Amino acid sequence: MARQHEPDRSRLPVDACEHLCTKTMYMAMEDPDLLEESDAAPGAETASFWCALNQMPYGDDGLEVTPETCRPGRPCCIPRMHVPRA
């Protein structure tokens, strides 16, 4: 049986939307020196982001999907800090 990989959302801001996605969430990074100390994803300035709800680079509200824009106050945002974990 194949093991399911959980996306690593720790590279995104803690209050970013639960539906914000980027490729680096699915990459295994063993070397902590590769991670920046900021709360932005490494390489965020060149990264591609998409919304898990519609699989597009913009949200249901038509605005761009980024770690800076997918935050509380946006109508479609569900901050991951408020999502119960198993």
PDB file of N, CA and C in Angstrom:
ATOM      1  N   MET A   1       0.840  -1.177   0.000  1.00  0.00           N
ATOM      2  CA  MET A   1       0.000   0.000   0.000  1.00  0.00           C
ATOM      3  C   MET A   1       0.886   1.241   0.000  1.00  0.00           C
ATOM      4  N   ALA A   2       0.620   2.166  -0.916  1.00  0.00           N
ATOM      5  CA  ALA A   2       1.418   3.395  -1.015  1.00  0.00           C
ATOM      6  C   ALA A   2       1.103   4.319   0.151  1.00  0.00           C
ATOM      7  N   ARG A   3       2.149   4.932   0.664  1.00  0.00           N
ATOM      8  CA  ARG A   3       1.985   5.872   1.763  1.00  0.00           C
ATOM      9  C   ARG A   3       1.620   7.244   1.201  1.00  0.00           C
ATOM     10  N   GLN A   4       0.602   7.877   1.777  1.00  0.00           N
ATOM     11  CA  GLN A   4       0.194   9.202   1.357  1.00  0.00           C
ATOM     12  C   GLN A   4       1.177  10.237   1.888  1.00  0.00           C
ATOM     13  N   HIS A   5       1.560  11.172   1.053  1.00  0.00           N
ATOM     14  CA  HIS A   5       2.449  12.246   1.471  1.00  0.00           C
ATOM     15  C   HIS A   5       1.617  13.442   1.898  1.00  0.00           C
ATOM     16  N   GLU A   6       1.877  13.931   3.088  1.00  0.00           N
ATOM     17  CA  GLU A   6       1.213  15.134   3.576  1.00  0.00           C
ATOM     18  C   GLU A   6       2.000  16.348   3.111  1.00  0.00           C
ATOM     19  N   PRO A   7       1.350  17.326   2.498  1.00  0.00           N
ATOM     20  CA  PRO A   7       2.069  18.528   2.086  1.00  0.00           C
ATOM     21  C   PRO A   7       2.665  19.243   3.288  1.00  0.00           C
ATOM     22  N   ASP A   8       3.852  19.798   3.132  1.00  0.00           N
ATOM     23  CA  ASP A   8       4.527  20.525   4.196  1.00  0.00           C
ATOM     24  C   ASP A   8       4.145  21.998   4.113  1.00  0.00           C
ATOM     25  N   ARG A   9       3.119  22.371   4.852  1.00  0.00           N
ATOM     26  CA  ARG A   9       2.641  23.755   4.850  1.00  0.00           C
ATOM     27  C   ARG A   9       3.461  24.648   5.777  1.00  0.00           C
ATOM     28  N   SER A  10       4.443  24.075   6.481  1.00  0.00           N
ATOM     29  CA  SER A  10       5.243  24.874   7.411  1.00  0.00           C
ATOM     30  C   SER A  10       6.088  25.912   6.676  1.00  0.00           C
ATOM     31  N   ARG A  11       6.263  25.758   5.391  1.00  0.00           N
ATOM     32  CA  ARG A  11       7.036  26.727   4.616  1.00  0.00           C
ATOM     33  C   ARG A  11       6.205  27.937   4.217  1.00  0.00           C
ATOM     34  N   LEU A  12       4.906  27.909   4.525  1.00  0.00           N
ATOM     35  CA  LEU A  12       4.009  29.026   4.235  1.00  0.00           C
ATOM     36  C   LEU A  12       3.692  29.767   5.532  1.00  0.00           C
ATOM     37  N   PRO A  13       3.262  31.034   5.442  1.00  0.00           N
ATOM     38  CA  PRO A  13       2.892  31.768   6.653  1.00  0.00           C
ATOM     39  C   PRO A  13       1.818  31.027   7.442  1.00  0.00           C
ATOM     40  N   VAL A  14       1.885  31.102   8.751  1.00  0.00           N
ATOM     41  CA  VAL A  14       0.973  30.341   9.612  1.00  0.00           C
ATOM     42  C   VAL A  14      -0.486  30.738   9.398  1.00  0.00           C
ATOM     43  N   ASP A  15      -0.744  31.973   9.002  1.00  0.00           N
ATOM     44  CA  ASP A  15      -2.131  32.387   8.791  1.00  0.00           C
ATOM     45  C   ASP A  15      -2.546  32.341   7.320  1.00  0.00           C
ATOM     46  N   ALA A  16      -1.701  31.732   6.483  1.00  0.00           N
ATOM     47  CA  ALA A  16      -2.060  31.587   5.060  1.00  0.00           C
ATOM     48  C   ALA A  16      -3.249  30.638   4.918  1.00  0.00           C
ATOM     49  N   CYS A  17      -3.971  30.785   3.841  1.00  0.00           N
ATOM     50  CA  CYS A  17      -5.151  29.962   3.586  1.00  0.00           C
ATOM     51  C   CYS A  17      -4.785  28.484   3.466  1.00  0.00           C
ATOM     52  N   GLU A  18      -5.625  27.653   3.997  1.00  0.00           N
ATOM     53  CA  GLU A  18      -5.457  26.198   3.930  1.00  0.00           C
ATOM     54  C   GLU A  18      -5.409  25.705   2.486  1.00  0.00           C
ATOM     55  N   HIS A  19      -5.983  26.441   1.560  1.00  0.00           N
ATOM     56  CA  HIS A  19      -6.076  26.006   0.176  1.00  0.00           C
ATOM     57  C   HIS A  19      -4.932  26.521  -0.699  1.00  0.00           C
ATOM     58  N   LEU A  20      -4.016  27.318  -0.133  1.00  0.00           N
ATOM     59  CA  LEU A  20      -2.864  27.827  -0.873  1.00  0.00           C
ATOM     60  C   LEU A  20      -1.882  26.688  -1.128  1.00  0.00           C
ATOM     61  N   CYS A  21      -1.473  26.512  -2.377  1.00  0.00           N
ATOM     62  CA  CYS A  21      -0.559  25.426  -2.742  1.00  0.00           C
ATOM     63  C   CYS A  21       0.615  25.950  -3.546  1.00  0.00           C
ATOM     64  N   THR A  22       1.751  25.261  -3.413  1.00  0.00           N
ATOM     65  CA  THR A  22       2.941  25.500  -4.219  1.00  0.00           C
ATOM     66  C   THR A  22       3.731  24.197  -4.290  1.00  0.00           C
ATOM     67  N   LYS A  23       4.559  24.056  -5.311  1.00  0.00           N
ATOM     68  CA  LYS A  23       5.310  22.806  -5.486  1.00  0.00           C
ATOM     69  C   LYS A  23       6.184  22.472  -4.281  1.00  0.00           C
ATOM     70  N   THR A  24       6.771  23.481  -3.649  1.00  0.00           N
ATOM     71  CA  THR A  24       7.698  23.201  -2.550  1.00  0.00           C
ATOM     72  C   THR A  24       7.020  22.516  -1.366  1.00  0.00           C
ATOM     73  N   MET A  25       5.691  22.580  -1.296  1.00  0.00           N
ATOM     74  CA  MET A  25       4.968  21.885  -0.226  1.00  0.00           C
ATOM     75  C   MET A  25       5.088  20.368  -0.374  1.00  0.00           C
ATOM     76  N   TYR A  26       5.371  19.928  -1.583  1.00  0.00           N
ATOM     77  CA  TYR A  26       5.405  18.498  -1.879  1.00  0.00           C
ATOM     78  C   TYR A  26       6.822  17.962  -2.035  1.00  0.00           C
ATOM     79  N   MET A  27       7.815  18.807  -1.774  1.00  0.00           N
ATOM     80  CA  MET A  27       9.213  18.408  -1.894  1.00  0.00           C
ATOM     81  C   MET A  27       9.772  18.079  -0.519  1.00  0.00           C
ATOM     82  N   ALA A  28      10.515  17.004  -0.434  1.00  0.00           N
ATOM     83  CA  ALA A  28      11.180  16.655   0.820  1.00  0.00           C
ATOM     84  C   ALA A  28      12.457  17.474   0.919  1.00  0.00           C
ATOM     85  N   MET A  29      12.598  18.213   2.005  1.00  0.00           N
ATOM     86  CA  MET A  29      13.807  18.997   2.233  1.00  0.00           C
ATOM     87  C   MET A  29      14.375  18.594   3.581  1.00  0.00           C
ATOM     88  N   GLU A  30      15.432  17.826   3.547  1.00  0.00           N
ATOM     89  CA  GLU A  30      16.052  17.329   4.771  1.00  0.00           C
ATOM     90  C   GLU A  30      17.010  18.343   5.384  1.00  0.00           C
ATOM     91  N   ASP A  31      17.585  19.224   4.561  1.00  0.00           N
ATOM     92  CA  ASP A  31      18.603  20.161   5.021  1.00  0.00           C
ATOM     93  C   ASP A  31      17.947  21.445   5.530  1.00  0.00           C
ATOM     94  N   PRO A  32      17.922  21.669   6.853  1.00  0.00           N
ATOM     95  CA  PRO A  32      17.273  22.869   7.388  1.00  0.00           C
ATOM     96  C   PRO A  32      17.959  24.153   6.941  1.00  0.00           C
ATOM     97  N   ASP A  33      19.225  24.077   6.495  1.00  0.00           N
ATOM     98  CA  ASP A  33      19.911  25.270   6.019  1.00  0.00           C
ATOM     99  C   ASP A  33      19.318  25.781   4.706  1.00  0.00           C
ATOM    100  N   LEU A  34      18.568  24.937   4.005  1.00  0.00           N
ATOM    101  CA  LEU A  34      17.946  25.357   2.758  1.00  0.00           C
ATOM    102  C   LEU A  34      16.701  26.206   2.998  1.00  0.00           C
ATOM    103  N   LEU A  35      16.162  26.150   4.204  1.00  0.00           N
ATOM    104  CA  LEU A  35      14.970  26.918   4.523  1.00  0.00           C
ATOM    105  C   LEU A  35      15.354  28.305   5.013  1.00  0.00           C
ATOM    106  N   GLU A  36      14.669  29.317   4.513  1.00  0.00           N
ATOM    107  CA  GLU A  36      14.929  30.677   4.958  1.00  0.00           C
ATOM    108  C   GLU A  36      14.294  30.889   6.322  1.00  0.00           C
ATOM    109  N   GLU A  37      14.770  31.872   7.036  1.00  0.00           N
ATOM    110  CA  GLU A  37      14.230  32.167   8.356  1.00  0.00           C
ATOM    111  C   GLU A  37      12.945  32.967   8.282  1.00  0.00           C
ATOM    112  N   SER A  38      12.640  33.569   7.131  1.00  0.00           N
ATOM    113  CA  SER A  38      11.411  34.347   7.018  1.00  0.00           C
ATOM    114  C   SER A  38      10.220  33.403   6.973  1.00  0.00           C
ATOM    115  N   ASP A  39       9.002  33.979   7.081  1.00  0.00           N
ATOM    116  CA  ASP A  39       7.820  33.113   7.047  1.00  0.00           C
ATOM    117  C   ASP A  39       7.320  32.916   5.618  1.00  0.00           C
ATOM    118  N   ALA A  40       8.066  33.369   4.627  1.00  0.00           N
ATOM    119  CA  ALA A  40       7.699  33.118   3.233  1.00  0.00           C
ATOM    120  C   ALA A  40       8.344  31.819   2.769  1.00  0.00           C
ATOM    121  N   ALA A  41       7.744  31.208   1.788  1.00  0.00           N
ATOM    122  CA  ALA A  41       8.297  29.978   1.233  1.00  0.00           C
ATOM    123  C   ALA A  41       9.617  30.269   0.543  1.00  0.00           C
ATOM    124  N   PRO A  42      10.603  29.351   0.648  1.00  0.00           N
ATOM    125  CA  PRO A  42      11.859  29.553  -0.068  1.00  0.00           C
ATOM    126  C   PRO A  42      11.600  29.716  -1.563  1.00  0.00           C
ATOM    127  N   GLY A  43      12.221  30.715  -2.167  1.00  0.00           N
ATOM    128  CA  GLY A  43      12.016  30.966  -3.583  1.00  0.00           C
ATOM    129  C   GLY A  43      10.657  31.542  -3.905  1.00  0.00           C
ATOM    130  N   ALA A  44       9.964  32.101  -2.890  1.00  0.00           N
ATOM    131  CA  ALA A  44       8.602  32.590  -3.095  1.00  0.00           C
ATOM    132  C   ALA A  44       8.516  33.623  -4.210  1.00  0.00           C
ATOM    133  N   GLU A  45       9.591  34.380  -4.426  1.00  0.00           N
ATOM    134  CA  GLU A  45       9.535  35.401  -5.468  1.00  0.00           C
ATOM    135  C   GLU A  45       9.454  34.781  -6.864  1.00  0.00           C
ATOM    136  N   THR A  46       9.845  33.532  -7.030  1.00  0.00           N
ATOM    137  CA  THR A  46       9.759  32.860  -8.336  1.00  0.00           C
ATOM    138  C   THR A  46       8.813  31.662  -8.309  1.00  0.00           C
ATOM    139  N   ALA A  47       8.225  31.370  -7.186  1.00  0.00           N
ATOM    140  CA  ALA A  47       7.362  30.199  -7.055  1.00  0.00           C
ATOM    141  C   ALA A  47       6.014  30.426  -7.741  1.00  0.00           C
ATOM    142  N   SER A  48       5.390  29.326  -8.123  1.00  0.00           N
ATOM    143  CA  SER A  48       4.033  29.362  -8.659  1.00  0.00           C
ATOM    144  C   SER A  48       3.090  28.891  -7.572  1.00  0.00           C
ATOM    145  N   PHE A  49       2.001  29.601  -7.404  1.00  0.00           N
ATOM    146  CA  PHE A  49       1.013  29.257  -6.390  1.00  0.00           C
ATOM    147  C   PHE A  49      -0.325  29.022  -7.064  1.00  0.00           C
ATOM    148  N   TRP A  50      -1.154  28.167  -6.443  1.00  0.00           N
ATOM    149  CA  TRP A  50      -2.499  27.930  -6.950  1.00  0.00           C
ATOM    150  C   TRP A  50      -3.419  27.634  -5.785  1.00  0.00           C
ATOM    151  N   CYS A  51      -4.711  27.747  -6.049  1.00  0.00           N
ATOM    152  CA  CYS A  51      -5.745  27.488  -5.053  1.00  0.00           C
ATOM    153  C   CYS A  51      -6.210  26.036  -5.213  1.00  0.00           C
ATOM    154  N   ALA A  52      -6.211  25.293  -4.125  1.00  0.00           N
ATOM    155  CA  ALA A  52      -6.640  23.895  -4.175  1.00  0.00           C
ATOM    156  C   ALA A  52      -8.134  23.764  -4.487  1.00  0.00           C
ATOM    157  N   LEU A  53      -8.906  24.811  -4.246  1.00  0.00           N
ATOM    158  CA  LEU A  53     -10.341  24.744  -4.511  1.00  0.00           C
ATOM    159  C   LEU A  53     -10.655  24.723  -6.007  1.00  0.00           C
ATOM    160  N   ASN A  54      -9.924  25.538  -6.777  1.00  0.00           N
ATOM    161  CA  ASN A  54     -10.219  25.615  -8.205  1.00  0.00           C
ATOM    162  C   ASN A  54      -9.034  25.263  -9.099  1.00  0.00           C
ATOM    163  N   GLN A  55      -7.875  24.943  -8.493  1.00  0.00           N
ATOM    164  CA  GLN A  55      -6.664  24.557  -9.228  1.00  0.00           C
ATOM    165  C   GLN A  55      -6.187  25.661 -10.178  1.00  0.00           C
ATOM    166  N   MET A  56      -6.425  26.916  -9.809  1.00  0.00           N
ATOM    167  CA  MET A  56      -6.059  28.051 -10.644  1.00  0.00           C
ATOM    168  C   MET A  56      -5.142  28.999  -9.870  1.00  0.00           C
ATOM    169  N   PRO A  57      -4.416  29.893 -10.564  1.00  0.00           N
ATOM    170  CA  PRO A  57      -3.533  30.845  -9.891  1.00  0.00           C
ATOM    171  C   PRO A  57      -4.274  32.056  -9.325  1.00  0.00           C
ATOM    172  N   TYR A  58      -5.588  31.976  -9.277  1.00  0.00           N
ATOM    173  CA  TYR A  58      -6.400  33.020  -8.664  1.00  0.00           C
ATOM    174  C   TYR A  58      -7.515  32.345  -7.872  1.00  0.00           C
ATOM    175  N   GLY A  59      -7.983  33.029  -6.841  1.00  0.00           N
ATOM    176  CA  GLY A  59      -9.014  32.466  -5.975  1.00  0.00           C
ATOM    177  C   GLY A  59     -10.410  32.627  -6.552  1.00  0.00           C
ATOM    178  N   ASP A  60     -11.384  32.129  -5.818  1.00  0.00           N
ATOM    179  CA  ASP A  60     -12.784  32.247  -6.237  1.00  0.00           C
ATOM    180  C   ASP A  60     -13.220  33.703  -6.364  1.00  0.00           C
ATOM    181  N   ASP A  61     -12.506  34.597  -5.660  1.00  0.00           N
ATOM    182  CA  ASP A  61     -12.835  36.013  -5.722  1.00  0.00           C
ATOM    183  C   ASP A  61     -12.146  36.725  -6.890  1.00  0.00           C
ATOM    184  N   GLY A  62     -11.383  35.992  -7.703  1.00  0.00           N
ATOM    185  CA  GLY A  62     -10.726  36.559  -8.873  1.00  0.00           C
ATOM    186  C   GLY A  62      -9.375  37.194  -8.614  1.00  0.00           C
ATOM    187  N   LEU A  63      -8.935  37.203  -7.358  1.00  0.00           N
ATOM    188  CA  LEU A  63      -7.649  37.806  -7.012  1.00  0.00           C
ATOM    189  C   LEU A  63      -6.529  36.781  -7.092  1.00  0.00           C
ATOM    190  N   GLU A  64      -5.309  37.284  -7.282  1.00  0.00           N
ATOM    191  CA  GLU A  64      -4.123  36.441  -7.390  1.00  0.00           C
ATOM    192  C   GLU A  64      -3.901  35.610  -6.123  1.00  0.00           C
ATOM    193  N   VAL A  65      -3.372  34.400  -6.309  1.00  0.00           N
ATOM    194  CA  VAL A  65      -3.068  33.492  -5.200  1.00  0.00           C
ATOM    195  C   VAL A  65      -1.580  33.600  -4.886  1.00  0.00           C
ATOM    196  N   THR A  66      -1.261  34.134  -3.697  1.00  0.00           N
ATOM    197  CA  THR A  66       0.121  34.255  -3.214  1.00  0.00           C
ATOM    198  C   THR A  66       0.104  34.142  -1.693  1.00  0.00           C
ATOM    199  N   PRO A  67       1.255  33.885  -1.061  1.00  0.00           N
ATOM    200  CA  PRO A  67       1.294  33.867   0.405  1.00  0.00           C
ATOM    201  C   PRO A  67       0.906  35.217   1.017  1.00  0.00           C
ATOM    202  N   GLU A  68       1.134  36.301   0.278  1.00  0.00           N
ATOM    203  CA  GLU A  68       0.793  37.630   0.797  1.00  0.00           C
ATOM    204  C   GLU A  68      -0.690  37.947   0.664  1.00  0.00           C
ATOM    205  N   THR A  69      -1.355  37.413  -0.366  1.00  0.00           N
ATOM    206  CA  THR A  69      -2.758  37.753  -0.596  1.00  0.00           C
ATOM    207  C   THR A  69      -3.738  36.749  -0.003  1.00  0.00           C
ATOM    208  N   CYS A  70      -3.319  35.516   0.205  1.00  0.00           N
ATOM    209  CA  CYS A  70      -4.212  34.472   0.731  1.00  0.00           C
ATOM    210  C   CYS A  70      -4.129  34.459   2.259  1.00  0.00           C
ATOM    211  N   ARG A  71      -4.712  35.487   2.840  1.00  0.00           N
ATOM    212  CA  ARG A  71      -4.641  35.704   4.282  1.00  0.00           C
ATOM    213  C   ARG A  71      -6.026  36.054   4.826  1.00  0.00           C
ATOM    214  N   PRO A  72      -6.175  36.036   6.159  1.00  0.00           N
ATOM    215  CA  PRO A  72      -7.458  36.422   6.752  1.00  0.00           C
ATOM    216  C   PRO A  72      -7.925  37.785   6.234  1.00  0.00           C
ATOM    217  N   GLY A  73      -9.214  37.906   6.050  1.00  0.00           N
ATOM    218  CA  GLY A  73      -9.806  39.105   5.492  1.00  0.00           C
ATOM    219  C   GLY A  73     -10.265  38.891   4.064  1.00  0.00           C
ATOM    220  N   ARG A  74      -9.649  37.935   3.399  1.00  0.00           N
ATOM    221  CA  ARG A  74     -10.080  37.579   2.056  1.00  0.00           C
ATOM    222  C   ARG A  74     -11.288  36.656   2.198  1.00  0.00           C
ATOM    223  N   PRO A  75     -12.364  36.885   1.448  1.00  0.00           N
ATOM    224  CA  PRO A  75     -13.599  36.123   1.674  1.00  0.00           C
ATOM    225  C   PRO A  75     -13.464  34.608   1.550  1.00  0.00           C
ATOM    226  N   CYS A  76     -12.558  34.136   0.705  1.00  0.00           N
ATOM    227  CA  CYS A  76     -12.423  32.693   0.491  1.00  0.00           C
ATOM    228  C   CYS A  76     -11.361  32.060   1.400  1.00  0.00           C
ATOM    229  N   CYS A  77     -10.706  32.845   2.254  1.00  0.00           N
ATOM    230  CA  CYS A  77      -9.595  32.352   3.074  1.00  0.00           C
ATOM    231  C   CYS A  77     -10.063  31.543   4.286  1.00  0.00           C
ATOM    232  N   ILE A  78      -9.462  30.369   4.450  1.00  0.00           N
ATOM    233  CA  ILE A  78      -9.618  29.562   5.654  1.00  0.00           C
ATOM    234  C   ILE A  78      -8.212  29.428   6.230  1.00  0.00           C
ATOM    235  N   PRO A  79      -7.851  30.289   7.205  1.00  0.00           N
ATOM    236  CA  PRO A  79      -6.487  30.246   7.744  1.00  0.00           C
ATOM    237  C   PRO A  79      -6.165  28.870   8.308  1.00  0.00           C
ATOM    238  N   ARG A  80      -4.993  28.325   7.927  1.00  0.00           N
ATOM    239  CA  ARG A  80      -4.645  26.975   8.364  1.00  0.00           C
ATOM    240  C   ARG A  80      -4.474  26.888   9.865  1.00  0.00           C
ATOM    241  N   MET A  81      -4.217  28.006  10.542  1.00  0.00           N
ATOM    242  CA  MET A  81      -4.076  27.975  11.994  1.00  0.00           C
ATOM    243  C   MET A  81      -5.414  27.651  12.668  1.00  0.00           C
ATOM    244  N   HIS A  82      -6.531  27.778  11.930  1.00  0.00           N
ATOM    245  CA  HIS A  82      -7.854  27.494  12.480  1.00  0.00           C
ATOM    246  C   HIS A  82      -8.427  26.146  12.035  1.00  0.00           C
ATOM    247  N   VAL A  83      -7.661  25.405  11.232  1.00  0.00           N
ATOM    248  CA  VAL A  83      -8.122  24.102  10.741  1.00  0.00           C
ATOM    249  C   VAL A  83      -7.712  23.038  11.743  1.00  0.00           C
ATOM    250  N   PRO A  84      -8.690  22.281  12.284  1.00  0.00           N
ATOM    251  CA  PRO A  84      -8.334  21.220  13.251  1.00  0.00           C
ATOM    252  C   PRO A  84      -7.469  20.150  12.614  1.00  0.00           C
ATOM    253  N   ARG A  85      -6.482  19.688  13.335  1.00  0.00           N
ATOM    254  CA  ARG A  85      -5.579  18.650  12.856  1.00  0.00           C
ATOM    255  C   ARG A  85      -5.893  17.341  13.566  1.00  0.00           C
ATOM    256  N   ALA A  86      -5.723  16.261  12.835  1.00  0.00           N
ATOM    257  CA  ALA A  86      -5.990  14.921  13.424  1.00  0.00           C
ATOM    258  C   ALA A  86      -4.840  14.496  14.309  1.00  0.00           C
TER     259      ALA A  86
END
